[in-house]
Amino acid sequence: MKTLEEFIKDKSDFLTLKSGEIFKGIYKGYEIITRESFGKIEEVVCYSFKELSGDKVWKLNSTSISLARQMKDVKEGDVVAIKRIGDGRNTRYEVLIEKKQATTDDIPVVEEEREDIPF
């Protein structure tokens, strides 16, 4: 029989971490959305991550500038670990890029062989 925690995770698209908990997944990108919170409209970054062991895509909504600064260098396809530290308004996240997605910039350029070069 499933626990309530398992039921919630199966039914939700939103990543919810407890303080100290770590999520590892493949970064799928972000979008900036607006939402109403406490009677005011605010911009929120909605990050998307695919599970390492499945096809489920999780969303993490955050207004944190600190998290955005850490995520700005993460490329789509990178494997990341995200750790939540603290609760409520004292929440912060630590992001670690565990495996970078290979890009064309990572492939060494091979110069064509030329007959006029003696070596």
N, C-alpha and C. Protein backbone atom coordinates (compact mmCIF):
# COMPACT_ATOMS: atom_id res chain seq x y z
N MET A 1 0.84 -1.18 0.00
CA MET A 1 0.00 0.00 0.00
C MET A 1 0.89 1.24 0.00
N LYS A 2 0.51 2.23 -0.82
CA LYS A 2 1.26 3.49 -0.90
C LYS A 2 1.10 4.29 0.38
N THR A 3 2.16 5.01 0.68
CA THR A 3 2.05 5.98 1.78
C THR A 3 1.43 7.26 1.21
N LEU A 4 0.97 8.14 2.07
CA LEU A 4 0.43 9.42 1.61
C LEU A 4 1.51 10.23 0.90
N GLU A 5 2.73 10.15 1.38
CA GLU A 5 3.85 10.85 0.75
C GLU A 5 4.05 10.37 -0.69
N GLU A 6 3.98 9.06 -0.92
CA GLU A 6 4.10 8.50 -2.26
C GLU A 6 2.94 8.93 -3.14
N PHE A 7 1.73 8.94 -2.60
CA PHE A 7 0.54 9.38 -3.32
C PHE A 7 0.70 10.83 -3.79
N ILE A 8 1.16 11.69 -2.89
CA ILE A 8 1.34 13.11 -3.21
C ILE A 8 2.37 13.26 -4.33
N LYS A 9 3.50 12.58 -4.21
CA LYS A 9 4.55 12.69 -5.23
C LYS A 9 4.08 12.16 -6.58
N ASP A 10 3.28 11.09 -6.59
CA ASP A 10 2.76 10.54 -7.83
C ASP A 10 1.80 11.50 -8.53
N LYS A 11 1.03 12.24 -7.78
CA LYS A 11 -0.03 13.09 -8.32
C LYS A 11 0.43 14.53 -8.62
N SER A 12 1.51 14.96 -8.03
CA SER A 12 1.95 16.34 -8.16
C SER A 12 3.01 16.50 -9.24
N ASP A 13 3.00 17.64 -9.92
CA ASP A 13 4.04 17.98 -10.88
C ASP A 13 5.10 18.88 -10.25
N PHE A 14 4.85 19.32 -9.02
CA PHE A 14 5.74 20.29 -8.38
C PHE A 14 6.67 19.62 -7.38
N LEU A 15 7.93 19.96 -7.48
CA LEU A 15 8.96 19.42 -6.62
C LEU A 15 8.85 20.08 -5.25
N THR A 16 8.68 19.27 -4.23
CA THR A 16 8.62 19.76 -2.86
C THR A 16 9.70 19.06 -2.07
N LEU A 17 10.64 19.85 -1.57
CA LEU A 17 11.73 19.28 -0.79
C LEU A 17 11.62 19.75 0.65
N LYS A 18 11.94 18.87 1.56
CA LYS A 18 12.05 19.23 2.97
C LYS A 18 13.46 19.76 3.21
N SER A 19 13.67 20.50 4.26
CA SER A 19 14.99 21.01 4.59
C SER A 19 15.98 19.86 4.69
N GLY A 20 17.10 19.96 3.98
CA GLY A 20 18.12 18.92 3.97
C GLY A 20 17.94 17.88 2.87
N GLU A 21 16.77 17.86 2.24
CA GLU A 21 16.50 16.87 1.19
C GLU A 21 17.17 17.31 -0.12
N ILE A 22 17.62 16.32 -0.90
CA ILE A 22 18.31 16.57 -2.17
C ILE A 22 17.54 15.89 -3.30
N PHE A 23 17.38 16.61 -4.40
CA PHE A 23 16.79 16.06 -5.63
C PHE A 23 17.86 16.07 -6.71
N LYS A 24 17.97 14.97 -7.45
CA LYS A 24 18.88 14.91 -8.60
C LYS A 24 18.04 14.67 -9.84
N GLY A 25 18.32 15.46 -10.88
CA GLY A 25 17.58 15.31 -12.11
C GLY A 25 18.28 16.00 -13.27
N ILE A 26 17.66 15.90 -14.44
CA ILE A 26 18.19 16.49 -15.67
C ILE A 26 17.46 17.80 -15.91
N TYR A 27 18.20 18.87 -16.02
CA TYR A 27 17.63 20.20 -16.20
C TYR A 27 17.02 20.32 -17.59
N LYS A 28 15.75 20.74 -17.64
CA LYS A 28 15.01 20.85 -18.90
C LYS A 28 14.76 22.30 -19.31
N GLY A 29 15.11 23.26 -18.47
CA GLY A 29 14.92 24.67 -18.81
C GLY A 29 14.06 25.39 -17.79
N TYR A 30 13.68 26.62 -18.13
CA TYR A 30 12.88 27.44 -17.23
C TYR A 30 11.96 28.35 -18.03
N GLU A 31 10.99 28.90 -17.33
CA GLU A 31 10.19 29.98 -17.89
C GLU A 31 9.84 30.92 -16.74
N ILE A 32 9.71 32.20 -17.07
CA ILE A 32 9.33 33.18 -16.07
C ILE A 32 7.84 33.44 -16.23
N ILE A 33 7.11 33.22 -15.13
CA ILE A 33 5.67 33.38 -15.13
C ILE A 33 5.28 34.44 -14.11
N THR A 34 4.05 34.89 -14.17
CA THR A 34 3.55 35.81 -13.14
C THR A 34 2.43 35.10 -12.39
N ARG A 35 2.33 35.41 -11.11
CA ARG A 35 1.27 34.84 -10.28
C ARG A 35 0.91 35.85 -9.20
N GLU A 36 -0.26 35.65 -8.64
CA GLU A 36 -0.68 36.50 -7.54
C GLU A 36 -0.32 35.80 -6.23
N SER A 37 0.28 36.56 -5.33
CA SER A 37 0.64 36.03 -4.03
C SER A 37 0.44 37.12 -2.98
N PHE A 38 -0.36 36.83 -2.00
CA PHE A 38 -0.64 37.78 -0.92
C PHE A 38 -1.14 39.12 -1.47
N GLY A 39 -1.97 39.05 -2.50
CA GLY A 39 -2.60 40.25 -3.05
C GLY A 39 -1.74 41.06 -4.00
N LYS A 40 -0.57 40.58 -4.35
CA LYS A 40 0.25 41.31 -5.32
C LYS A 40 0.72 40.36 -6.41
N ILE A 41 0.98 40.92 -7.59
CA ILE A 41 1.46 40.14 -8.73
C ILE A 41 2.99 40.10 -8.65
N GLU A 42 3.55 38.90 -8.80
CA GLU A 42 5.00 38.76 -8.76
C GLU A 42 5.48 37.84 -9.87
N GLU A 43 6.73 38.05 -10.29
CA GLU A 43 7.35 37.16 -11.26
C GLU A 43 7.98 35.99 -10.52
N VAL A 44 7.82 34.82 -11.10
CA VAL A 44 8.33 33.58 -10.53
C VAL A 44 9.05 32.81 -11.62
N VAL A 45 10.18 32.23 -11.29
CA VAL A 45 10.88 31.37 -12.24
C VAL A 45 10.41 29.94 -12.01
N CYS A 46 9.96 29.30 -13.08
CA CYS A 46 9.50 27.90 -13.02
C CYS A 46 10.56 27.04 -13.72
N TYR A 47 11.37 26.35 -12.91
CA TYR A 47 12.42 25.47 -13.43
C TYR A 47 11.83 24.08 -13.66
N SER A 48 12.29 23.39 -14.72
CA SER A 48 11.81 22.04 -15.00
C SER A 48 12.98 21.06 -14.97
N PHE A 49 12.73 19.89 -14.36
CA PHE A 49 13.74 18.85 -14.23
C PHE A 49 13.10 17.49 -14.53
N LYS A 50 13.80 16.65 -15.27
CA LYS A 50 13.34 15.29 -15.54
C LYS A 50 14.03 14.36 -14.55
N GLU A 51 13.26 13.40 -14.04
CA GLU A 51 13.83 12.41 -13.12
C GLU A 51 14.95 11.64 -13.81
N LEU A 52 15.95 11.24 -13.05
CA LEU A 52 17.02 10.40 -13.60
C LEU A 52 16.51 9.00 -13.89
N SER A 53 15.56 8.53 -13.09
CA SER A 53 15.11 7.14 -13.20
C SER A 53 13.73 7.01 -13.83
N GLY A 54 13.29 7.99 -14.58
CA GLY A 54 11.97 7.89 -15.18
C GLY A 54 11.71 9.04 -16.12
N ASP A 55 10.46 9.16 -16.52
CA ASP A 55 10.08 10.19 -17.49
C ASP A 55 9.38 11.38 -16.86
N LYS A 56 9.13 11.32 -15.57
CA LYS A 56 8.39 12.40 -14.92
C LYS A 56 9.18 13.70 -14.93
N VAL A 57 8.51 14.79 -15.26
CA VAL A 57 9.12 16.12 -15.23
C VAL A 57 8.57 16.86 -14.02
N TRP A 58 9.48 17.34 -13.19
CA TRP A 58 9.13 18.08 -11.99
C TRP A 58 9.34 19.57 -12.22
N LYS A 59 8.51 20.39 -11.62
CA LYS A 59 8.64 21.84 -11.69
C LYS A 59 8.99 22.37 -10.30
N LEU A 60 9.86 23.37 -10.28
CA LEU A 60 10.23 24.04 -9.05
C LEU A 60 10.02 25.53 -9.27
N ASN A 61 9.03 26.11 -8.59
CA ASN A 61 8.76 27.55 -8.70
C ASN A 61 9.52 28.27 -7.60
N SER A 62 10.18 29.38 -7.97
CA SER A 62 10.94 30.12 -6.98
C SER A 62 11.07 31.59 -7.38
N THR A 63 11.04 32.46 -6.38
CA THR A 63 11.31 33.88 -6.59
C THR A 63 12.74 34.22 -6.14
N SER A 64 13.50 33.23 -5.76
CA SER A 64 14.84 33.42 -5.20
C SER A 64 15.85 33.89 -6.24
N ILE A 65 16.43 35.05 -6.00
CA ILE A 65 17.50 35.56 -6.86
C ILE A 65 18.75 34.71 -6.68
N SER A 66 18.99 34.24 -5.46
CA SER A 66 20.14 33.38 -5.19
C SER A 66 20.07 32.10 -6.01
N LEU A 67 18.89 31.48 -6.08
CA LEU A 67 18.72 30.27 -6.88
C LEU A 67 18.92 30.60 -8.36
N ALA A 68 18.36 31.71 -8.84
CA ALA A 68 18.51 32.10 -10.24
C ALA A 68 19.99 32.30 -10.59
N ARG A 69 20.75 32.90 -9.67
CA ARG A 69 22.19 33.10 -9.91
C ARG A 69 22.91 31.76 -10.07
N GLN A 70 22.53 30.78 -9.26
CA GLN A 70 23.15 29.45 -9.35
C GLN A 70 22.72 28.73 -10.62
N MET A 71 21.47 28.93 -11.05
CA MET A 71 20.93 28.22 -12.20
C MET A 71 21.33 28.84 -13.54
N LYS A 72 21.80 30.09 -13.55
CA LYS A 72 22.07 30.78 -14.81
C LYS A 72 23.14 30.10 -15.65
N ASP A 73 24.04 29.36 -15.04
CA ASP A 73 25.10 28.67 -15.78
C ASP A 73 24.77 27.21 -16.08
N VAL A 74 23.62 26.75 -15.62
CA VAL A 74 23.20 25.37 -15.88
C VAL A 74 22.59 25.33 -17.28
N LYS A 75 23.01 24.37 -18.07
CA LYS A 75 22.51 24.22 -19.44
C LYS A 75 21.49 23.09 -19.50
N GLU A 76 20.57 23.22 -20.44
CA GLU A 76 19.57 22.18 -20.63
C GLU A 76 20.29 20.86 -20.91
N GLY A 77 19.91 19.81 -20.18
CA GLY A 77 20.55 18.50 -20.31
C GLY A 77 21.57 18.20 -19.22
N ASP A 78 21.99 19.23 -18.47
CA ASP A 78 22.92 19.01 -17.36
C ASP A 78 22.23 18.23 -16.24
N VAL A 79 22.98 17.36 -15.58
CA VAL A 79 22.47 16.66 -14.39
C VAL A 79 22.83 17.53 -13.19
N VAL A 80 21.80 17.87 -12.40
CA VAL A 80 22.02 18.73 -11.24
C VAL A 80 21.50 18.08 -9.97
N ALA A 81 22.09 18.50 -8.86
CA ALA A 81 21.61 18.13 -7.54
C ALA A 81 21.18 19.42 -6.86
N ILE A 82 19.96 19.44 -6.35
CA ILE A 82 19.42 20.62 -5.67
C ILE A 82 19.12 20.24 -4.23
N LYS A 83 19.67 21.01 -3.30
CA LYS A 83 19.45 20.76 -1.88
C LYS A 83 18.72 21.95 -1.27
N ARG A 84 17.64 21.66 -0.56
CA ARG A 84 16.92 22.71 0.15
C ARG A 84 17.49 22.84 1.56
N ILE A 85 17.69 24.08 1.97
CA ILE A 85 18.18 24.35 3.31
C ILE A 85 17.24 25.37 3.94
N GLY A 86 16.63 25.03 5.07
CA GLY A 86 15.74 25.94 5.77
C GLY A 86 14.28 25.74 5.38
N ASP A 87 13.42 26.51 6.05
CA ASP A 87 11.98 26.42 5.83
C ASP A 87 11.38 27.81 5.66
N GLY A 88 10.21 27.85 5.03
CA GLY A 88 9.47 29.11 4.89
C GLY A 88 10.29 30.19 4.23
N ARG A 89 10.24 31.39 4.79
CA ARG A 89 10.98 32.52 4.23
C ARG A 89 12.49 32.40 4.42
N ASN A 90 12.93 31.46 5.22
CA ASN A 90 14.36 31.23 5.43
C ASN A 90 14.92 30.13 4.52
N THR A 91 14.15 29.76 3.50
CA THR A 91 14.59 28.72 2.58
C THR A 91 15.64 29.24 1.63
N ARG A 92 16.66 28.43 1.41
CA ARG A 92 17.62 28.70 0.34
C ARG A 92 17.96 27.36 -0.30
N TYR A 93 18.52 27.42 -1.50
CA TYR A 93 18.85 26.21 -2.23
C TYR A 93 20.32 26.22 -2.60
N GLU A 94 20.91 25.03 -2.64
CA GLU A 94 22.27 24.86 -3.16
C GLU A 94 22.15 24.00 -4.41
N VAL A 95 22.82 24.44 -5.47
CA VAL A 95 22.77 23.72 -6.74
C VAL A 95 24.18 23.26 -7.09
N LEU A 96 24.30 21.99 -7.45
CA LEU A 96 25.56 21.42 -7.88
C LEU A 96 25.35 20.78 -9.24
N ILE A 97 26.16 21.20 -10.22
CA ILE A 97 26.10 20.56 -11.53
C ILE A 97 26.96 19.31 -11.44
N GLU A 98 26.32 18.15 -11.56
CA GLU A 98 27.05 16.88 -11.41
C GLU A 98 27.62 16.39 -12.73
N LYS A 99 26.92 16.69 -13.82
CA LYS A 99 27.40 16.24 -15.13
C LYS A 99 26.92 17.23 -16.17
N LYS A 100 27.85 17.82 -16.87
CA LYS A 100 27.49 18.78 -17.90
C LYS A 100 27.12 18.05 -19.18
N GLN A 101 26.13 18.57 -19.86
CA GLN A 101 25.73 18.06 -21.17
C GLN A 101 26.82 18.47 -22.17
N ALA A 102 27.26 17.56 -22.99
CA ALA A 102 28.27 17.88 -24.00
C ALA A 102 27.68 18.82 -25.04
N THR A 103 28.45 19.83 -25.42
CA THR A 103 28.01 20.76 -26.45
C THR A 103 29.07 20.78 -27.54
N THR A 104 28.77 21.45 -28.64
CA THR A 104 29.74 21.54 -29.73
C THR A 104 30.98 22.30 -29.27
N ASP A 105 30.86 23.16 -28.26
CA ASP A 105 32.01 23.88 -27.73
C ASP A 105 32.99 22.94 -27.04
N ASP A 106 32.50 21.76 -26.60
CA ASP A 106 33.35 20.81 -25.89
C ASP A 106 34.14 19.90 -26.83
N ILE A 107 33.81 19.91 -28.11
CA ILE A 107 34.44 19.02 -29.08
C ILE A 107 35.66 19.74 -29.66
N PRO A 108 36.83 19.13 -29.56
CA PRO A 108 38.03 19.80 -30.08
C PRO A 108 37.96 19.96 -31.60
N VAL A 109 38.46 21.08 -32.07
CA VAL A 109 38.48 21.35 -33.50
C VAL A 109 39.68 20.64 -34.10
N VAL A 110 39.46 19.86 -35.14
CA VAL A 110 40.53 19.15 -35.82
C VAL A 110 40.77 19.87 -37.14
N GLU A 111 41.98 20.35 -37.27
CA GLU A 111 42.30 21.05 -38.51
C GLU A 111 42.50 20.04 -39.61
N GLU A 112 42.10 20.43 -40.81
CA GLU A 112 42.27 19.54 -41.97
C GLU A 112 43.75 19.40 -42.27
N GLU A 113 44.10 18.20 -42.72
CA GLU A 113 45.49 17.99 -43.12
C GLU A 113 45.75 18.76 -44.39
N ARG A 114 46.90 19.43 -44.41
CA ARG A 114 47.28 20.19 -45.60
C ARG A 114 48.59 19.65 -46.11
N GLU A 115 48.67 19.53 -47.41
CA GLU A 115 49.90 18.96 -48.01
C GLU A 115 51.07 19.92 -47.94
N ASP A 116 50.78 21.23 -47.84
CA ASP A 116 51.87 22.20 -47.84
C ASP A 116 52.55 22.35 -46.47
N ILE A 117 52.06 21.64 -45.45
CA ILE A 117 52.68 21.67 -44.13
C ILE A 117 53.51 20.40 -43.98
N PRO A 118 54.83 20.53 -43.75
CA PRO A 118 55.71 19.36 -43.78
C PRO A 118 55.54 18.37 -42.61
N PHE A 119 54.82 18.70 -41.59
CA PHE A 119 54.69 17.77 -40.46
C PHE A 119 53.29 17.43 -40.16
